[in-house]
N, C-alpha and C. Protein backbone atom coordinates (compact mmCIF):
# COMPACT_ATOMS: atom_id res chain seq x y z
N MET A 1 51.42 -139.86 -138.15
CA MET A 1 50.58 -139.84 -136.97
C MET A 1 50.64 -141.22 -136.32
N SER A 2 50.89 -141.23 -135.01
CA SER A 2 50.96 -142.50 -134.28
C SER A 2 49.56 -143.06 -134.04
N HIS A 3 49.52 -144.33 -133.68
CA HIS A 3 48.24 -144.98 -133.37
C HIS A 3 47.58 -144.27 -132.19
N LEU A 4 48.35 -143.91 -131.17
CA LEU A 4 47.81 -143.23 -130.00
C LEU A 4 47.20 -141.89 -130.38
N GLN A 5 47.85 -141.14 -131.23
CA GLN A 5 47.31 -139.86 -131.68
C GLN A 5 46.00 -140.07 -132.44
N ALA A 6 45.94 -141.11 -133.27
CA ALA A 6 44.72 -141.39 -134.03
C ALA A 6 43.57 -141.75 -133.10
N VAL A 7 43.85 -142.58 -132.09
CA VAL A 7 42.81 -142.99 -131.15
C VAL A 7 42.36 -141.79 -130.33
N GLN A 8 43.28 -140.96 -129.89
CA GLN A 8 42.91 -139.76 -129.14
C GLN A 8 42.09 -138.81 -129.99
N GLY A 9 42.43 -138.69 -131.26
CA GLY A 9 41.66 -137.84 -132.17
C GLY A 9 40.25 -138.34 -132.35
N GLN A 10 40.08 -139.67 -132.40
CA GLN A 10 38.74 -140.24 -132.52
C GLN A 10 37.92 -140.01 -131.27
N ALA A 11 38.58 -140.07 -130.12
CA ALA A 11 37.86 -139.91 -128.86
C ALA A 11 37.30 -138.49 -128.72
N THR A 12 37.98 -137.51 -129.31
CA THR A 12 37.50 -136.14 -129.15
C THR A 12 36.60 -135.69 -130.30
N THR A 13 36.47 -136.52 -131.34
CA THR A 13 35.60 -136.18 -132.45
C THR A 13 34.16 -136.53 -132.10
N PRO A 14 33.24 -135.58 -132.15
CA PRO A 14 31.85 -135.88 -131.81
C PRO A 14 31.27 -136.95 -132.73
N ASN A 15 30.40 -137.76 -132.18
CA ASN A 15 29.73 -138.81 -132.95
C ASN A 15 28.53 -138.19 -133.65
N GLN A 16 28.67 -137.95 -134.94
CA GLN A 16 27.60 -137.33 -135.71
C GLN A 16 26.31 -138.15 -135.69
N GLY A 17 26.42 -139.48 -135.72
CA GLY A 17 25.23 -140.32 -135.74
C GLY A 17 24.38 -140.15 -134.50
N LEU A 18 25.01 -140.01 -133.35
CA LEU A 18 24.28 -139.84 -132.10
C LEU A 18 23.53 -138.52 -132.08
N ARG A 19 24.13 -137.49 -132.62
CA ARG A 19 23.47 -136.18 -132.68
C ARG A 19 22.21 -136.23 -133.53
N ASP A 20 22.21 -137.07 -134.54
CA ASP A 20 21.08 -137.14 -135.47
C ASP A 20 19.90 -137.96 -134.94
N LEU A 21 20.12 -138.75 -133.89
CA LEU A 21 19.05 -139.57 -133.34
C LEU A 21 18.10 -138.73 -132.49
N THR A 22 16.83 -139.10 -132.52
CA THR A 22 15.84 -138.41 -131.71
C THR A 22 16.02 -138.79 -130.24
N LYS A 23 15.91 -137.81 -129.37
CA LYS A 23 16.03 -138.04 -127.93
C LYS A 23 14.68 -137.75 -127.29
N TYR A 24 14.24 -138.68 -126.45
CA TYR A 24 12.92 -138.61 -125.84
C TYR A 24 13.01 -138.47 -124.33
N VAL A 25 12.06 -137.77 -123.74
CA VAL A 25 11.90 -137.75 -122.29
C VAL A 25 10.45 -138.05 -121.94
N ARG A 26 10.30 -138.65 -120.78
CA ARG A 26 8.98 -138.90 -120.19
C ARG A 26 9.10 -138.54 -118.72
N VAL A 27 8.47 -137.47 -118.34
CA VAL A 27 8.54 -137.01 -116.95
C VAL A 27 7.63 -137.89 -116.10
N ARG A 28 8.18 -138.38 -114.99
CA ARG A 28 7.44 -139.26 -114.08
C ARG A 28 7.04 -138.55 -112.80
N SER A 29 7.69 -137.45 -112.46
CA SER A 29 7.41 -136.75 -111.21
C SER A 29 6.27 -135.75 -111.38
N LYS A 30 5.78 -135.27 -110.25
CA LYS A 30 4.73 -134.26 -110.26
C LYS A 30 5.33 -132.91 -110.65
N PRO A 31 4.54 -132.03 -111.25
CA PRO A 31 5.06 -130.73 -111.71
C PRO A 31 5.72 -129.89 -110.62
N ASP A 32 5.25 -129.99 -109.39
CA ASP A 32 5.80 -129.16 -108.31
C ASP A 32 6.85 -129.88 -107.46
N ALA A 33 7.33 -131.03 -107.93
CA ALA A 33 8.31 -131.81 -107.17
C ALA A 33 9.66 -131.07 -107.09
N ARG A 34 10.39 -131.36 -106.03
CA ARG A 34 11.70 -130.73 -105.84
C ARG A 34 12.68 -131.16 -106.93
N PHE A 35 12.58 -132.40 -107.38
CA PHE A 35 13.43 -132.93 -108.45
C PHE A 35 12.55 -133.46 -109.57
N VAL A 36 13.06 -133.41 -110.78
CA VAL A 36 12.36 -133.96 -111.93
C VAL A 36 12.85 -135.39 -112.13
N GLU A 37 11.95 -136.34 -112.01
CA GLU A 37 12.25 -137.75 -112.28
C GLU A 37 11.73 -138.04 -113.68
N PHE A 38 12.61 -138.59 -114.52
CA PHE A 38 12.20 -138.80 -115.91
C PHE A 38 12.94 -139.95 -116.55
N ASP A 39 12.36 -140.44 -117.64
CA ASP A 39 13.00 -141.45 -118.48
C ASP A 39 13.62 -140.71 -119.65
N PHE A 40 14.82 -141.13 -120.04
CA PHE A 40 15.53 -140.53 -121.17
C PHE A 40 15.90 -141.63 -122.13
N ALA A 41 15.51 -141.47 -123.39
CA ALA A 41 15.78 -142.47 -124.42
C ALA A 41 16.40 -141.81 -125.64
N ILE A 42 17.26 -142.56 -126.30
CA ILE A 42 17.89 -142.08 -127.53
C ILE A 42 17.52 -143.03 -128.66
N GLY A 43 16.83 -142.52 -129.65
CA GLY A 43 16.50 -143.31 -130.84
C GLY A 43 15.26 -144.16 -130.72
N GLU A 44 15.05 -144.79 -129.57
CA GLU A 44 13.92 -145.71 -129.38
C GLU A 44 13.33 -145.46 -127.99
N PRO A 45 12.07 -145.00 -127.92
CA PRO A 45 11.49 -144.66 -126.61
C PRO A 45 11.45 -145.80 -125.60
N SER A 46 11.42 -147.05 -126.07
CA SER A 46 11.30 -148.17 -125.13
C SER A 46 12.62 -148.58 -124.48
N LEU A 47 13.72 -148.03 -124.93
CA LEU A 47 15.03 -148.33 -124.33
C LEU A 47 15.51 -147.04 -123.66
N PHE A 48 15.32 -146.97 -122.34
CA PHE A 48 15.55 -145.71 -121.64
C PHE A 48 16.30 -145.93 -120.34
N VAL A 49 16.81 -144.82 -119.81
CA VAL A 49 17.39 -144.81 -118.47
C VAL A 49 16.54 -143.87 -117.62
N GLU A 50 16.51 -144.13 -116.33
CA GLU A 50 15.78 -143.28 -115.41
C GLU A 50 16.76 -142.28 -114.81
N LEU A 51 16.42 -141.00 -114.85
CA LEU A 51 17.28 -139.95 -114.34
C LEU A 51 16.51 -139.03 -113.40
N ILE A 52 17.26 -138.34 -112.55
CA ILE A 52 16.68 -137.36 -111.62
C ILE A 52 17.56 -136.13 -111.65
N MET A 53 16.94 -134.96 -111.80
CA MET A 53 17.67 -133.69 -111.85
C MET A 53 16.84 -132.59 -111.21
N PRO A 54 17.52 -131.55 -110.72
CA PRO A 54 16.77 -130.36 -110.30
C PRO A 54 16.09 -129.74 -111.52
N PRO A 55 14.97 -129.06 -111.34
CA PRO A 55 14.22 -128.52 -112.48
C PRO A 55 15.04 -127.65 -113.44
N ALA A 56 15.89 -126.78 -112.92
CA ALA A 56 16.68 -125.91 -113.80
C ALA A 56 17.66 -126.72 -114.64
N VAL A 57 18.25 -127.73 -114.05
CA VAL A 57 19.20 -128.59 -114.77
C VAL A 57 18.45 -129.41 -115.82
N PHE A 58 17.26 -129.90 -115.46
CA PHE A 58 16.45 -130.66 -116.41
C PHE A 58 16.10 -129.81 -117.62
N LYS A 59 15.72 -128.57 -117.38
CA LYS A 59 15.37 -127.67 -118.49
C LYS A 59 16.57 -127.49 -119.42
N GLU A 60 17.74 -127.29 -118.86
CA GLU A 60 18.96 -127.12 -119.67
C GLU A 60 19.30 -128.41 -120.40
N PHE A 61 19.15 -129.55 -119.71
CA PHE A 61 19.40 -130.86 -120.30
C PHE A 61 18.51 -131.06 -121.53
N CYS A 62 17.24 -130.74 -121.39
CA CYS A 62 16.29 -130.90 -122.51
C CYS A 62 16.68 -129.99 -123.68
N PHE A 63 17.05 -128.77 -123.39
CA PHE A 63 17.45 -127.84 -124.44
C PHE A 63 18.71 -128.33 -125.15
N ASN A 64 19.72 -128.71 -124.37
CA ASN A 64 21.00 -129.15 -124.95
C ASN A 64 20.86 -130.41 -125.79
N ASN A 65 19.91 -131.26 -125.45
CA ASN A 65 19.72 -132.52 -126.18
C ASN A 65 18.59 -132.46 -127.19
N ALA A 66 17.95 -131.30 -127.33
CA ALA A 66 16.83 -131.12 -128.27
C ALA A 66 15.83 -132.27 -128.15
N VAL A 67 15.40 -132.52 -126.91
CA VAL A 67 14.51 -133.65 -126.65
C VAL A 67 13.08 -133.34 -127.10
N ILE A 68 12.35 -134.42 -127.30
CA ILE A 68 10.91 -134.29 -127.50
C ILE A 68 10.25 -135.13 -126.40
N HIS A 69 9.11 -134.68 -125.93
CA HIS A 69 8.38 -135.42 -124.91
C HIS A 69 7.61 -136.54 -125.58
N MET A 70 7.65 -137.72 -124.97
CA MET A 70 6.92 -138.86 -125.53
C MET A 70 5.44 -138.53 -125.58
N ASN A 71 4.80 -138.95 -126.66
CA ASN A 71 3.35 -138.75 -126.78
C ASN A 71 2.62 -139.91 -126.09
N GLU A 72 1.32 -139.80 -126.02
CA GLU A 72 0.51 -140.82 -125.33
C GLU A 72 0.70 -142.21 -125.92
N GLU A 73 0.77 -142.29 -127.23
CA GLU A 73 0.94 -143.58 -127.90
C GLU A 73 2.29 -144.21 -127.54
N GLN A 74 3.35 -143.41 -127.54
CA GLN A 74 4.68 -143.92 -127.19
C GLN A 74 4.71 -144.38 -125.73
N MET A 75 4.10 -143.60 -124.85
CA MET A 75 4.08 -143.98 -123.43
C MET A 75 3.31 -145.28 -123.22
N ALA A 76 2.18 -145.43 -123.91
CA ALA A 76 1.39 -146.66 -123.80
C ALA A 76 2.18 -147.86 -124.31
N SER A 77 2.91 -147.68 -125.39
CA SER A 77 3.74 -148.75 -125.94
C SER A 77 4.85 -149.15 -124.97
N VAL A 78 5.50 -148.16 -124.36
CA VAL A 78 6.54 -148.44 -123.38
C VAL A 78 5.96 -149.19 -122.19
N ASP A 79 4.81 -148.75 -121.70
CA ASP A 79 4.17 -149.42 -120.57
C ASP A 79 3.80 -150.86 -120.90
N ALA A 80 3.29 -151.09 -122.10
CA ALA A 80 2.93 -152.45 -122.52
C ALA A 80 4.17 -153.34 -122.58
N ASP A 81 5.27 -152.81 -123.10
CA ASP A 81 6.52 -153.59 -123.15
C ASP A 81 7.01 -153.91 -121.74
N LEU A 82 6.90 -152.95 -120.83
CA LEU A 82 7.34 -153.19 -119.46
C LEU A 82 6.50 -154.29 -118.81
N GLU A 83 5.21 -154.29 -119.08
CA GLU A 83 4.35 -155.33 -118.52
C GLU A 83 4.70 -156.70 -119.08
N LYS A 84 5.01 -156.76 -120.38
CA LYS A 84 5.41 -158.04 -120.97
C LYS A 84 6.66 -158.59 -120.30
N TRP A 85 7.63 -157.70 -120.06
CA TRP A 85 8.88 -158.14 -119.43
C TRP A 85 8.64 -158.54 -117.98
N ARG A 86 7.73 -157.85 -117.31
CA ARG A 86 7.48 -158.14 -115.90
C ARG A 86 6.64 -159.39 -115.72
N TYR A 87 5.59 -159.55 -116.51
CA TYR A 87 4.64 -160.64 -116.29
C TYR A 87 4.64 -161.71 -117.37
N GLY A 88 5.23 -161.45 -118.51
CA GLY A 88 5.18 -162.40 -119.61
C GLY A 88 3.86 -162.28 -120.36
N GLU A 89 3.72 -163.10 -121.37
CA GLU A 89 2.48 -163.12 -122.15
C GLU A 89 1.87 -164.50 -122.04
N ASP A 90 0.59 -164.52 -121.80
CA ASP A 90 -0.16 -165.77 -121.70
C ASP A 90 0.50 -166.74 -120.72
N THR A 91 0.84 -166.21 -119.55
CA THR A 91 1.39 -167.03 -118.47
C THR A 91 0.45 -166.96 -117.29
N MET A 92 0.65 -167.83 -116.31
CA MET A 92 -0.19 -167.80 -115.12
C MET A 92 -0.06 -166.43 -114.43
N MET A 93 1.13 -165.91 -114.36
CA MET A 93 1.33 -164.61 -113.72
C MET A 93 0.60 -163.50 -114.46
N SER A 94 0.69 -163.50 -115.79
CA SER A 94 0.01 -162.44 -116.55
C SER A 94 -1.50 -162.57 -116.45
N ASN A 95 -1.98 -163.80 -116.37
CA ASN A 95 -3.44 -164.00 -116.27
C ASN A 95 -3.98 -163.70 -114.88
N ASN A 96 -3.15 -163.81 -113.85
CA ASN A 96 -3.61 -163.62 -112.48
C ASN A 96 -3.34 -162.23 -111.91
N ARG A 97 -2.55 -161.42 -112.57
CA ARG A 97 -2.14 -160.15 -111.97
C ARG A 97 -3.30 -159.18 -111.74
N ASN A 98 -4.37 -159.30 -112.51
CA ASN A 98 -5.49 -158.40 -112.35
C ASN A 98 -6.65 -159.00 -111.55
N ARG A 99 -6.50 -160.23 -111.09
CA ARG A 99 -7.56 -160.87 -110.30
C ARG A 99 -7.62 -160.26 -108.91
N SER A 100 -8.81 -160.08 -108.41
CA SER A 100 -8.96 -159.56 -107.05
C SER A 100 -8.82 -160.71 -106.06
N ILE A 101 -8.37 -160.37 -104.88
CA ILE A 101 -8.22 -161.36 -103.82
C ILE A 101 -9.57 -161.52 -103.13
N GLU A 102 -10.01 -162.74 -102.99
CA GLU A 102 -11.34 -162.99 -102.40
C GLU A 102 -11.24 -163.30 -100.94
């Protein structure tokens, strides 16, 4: 078997490890929206991509990937991480972001 044949064989072999990882979704759009806007994560809810699909395609996507919807605790953790990245911790920006303008 040539090197090229071996590499091509690897490319078509499914990655078993990826199949075994948990896949998460968090829907961001309203239930009656024309498109479903959602976060999709593999293995770790806080590392996600934002995707948009028509509802029928989203339903099929969820089925094909055996996704689970993030629970309240996971969503709160993701939101807290996003705030840390956006504002930092114990910085002037983080301390002032909730102050009202007088």
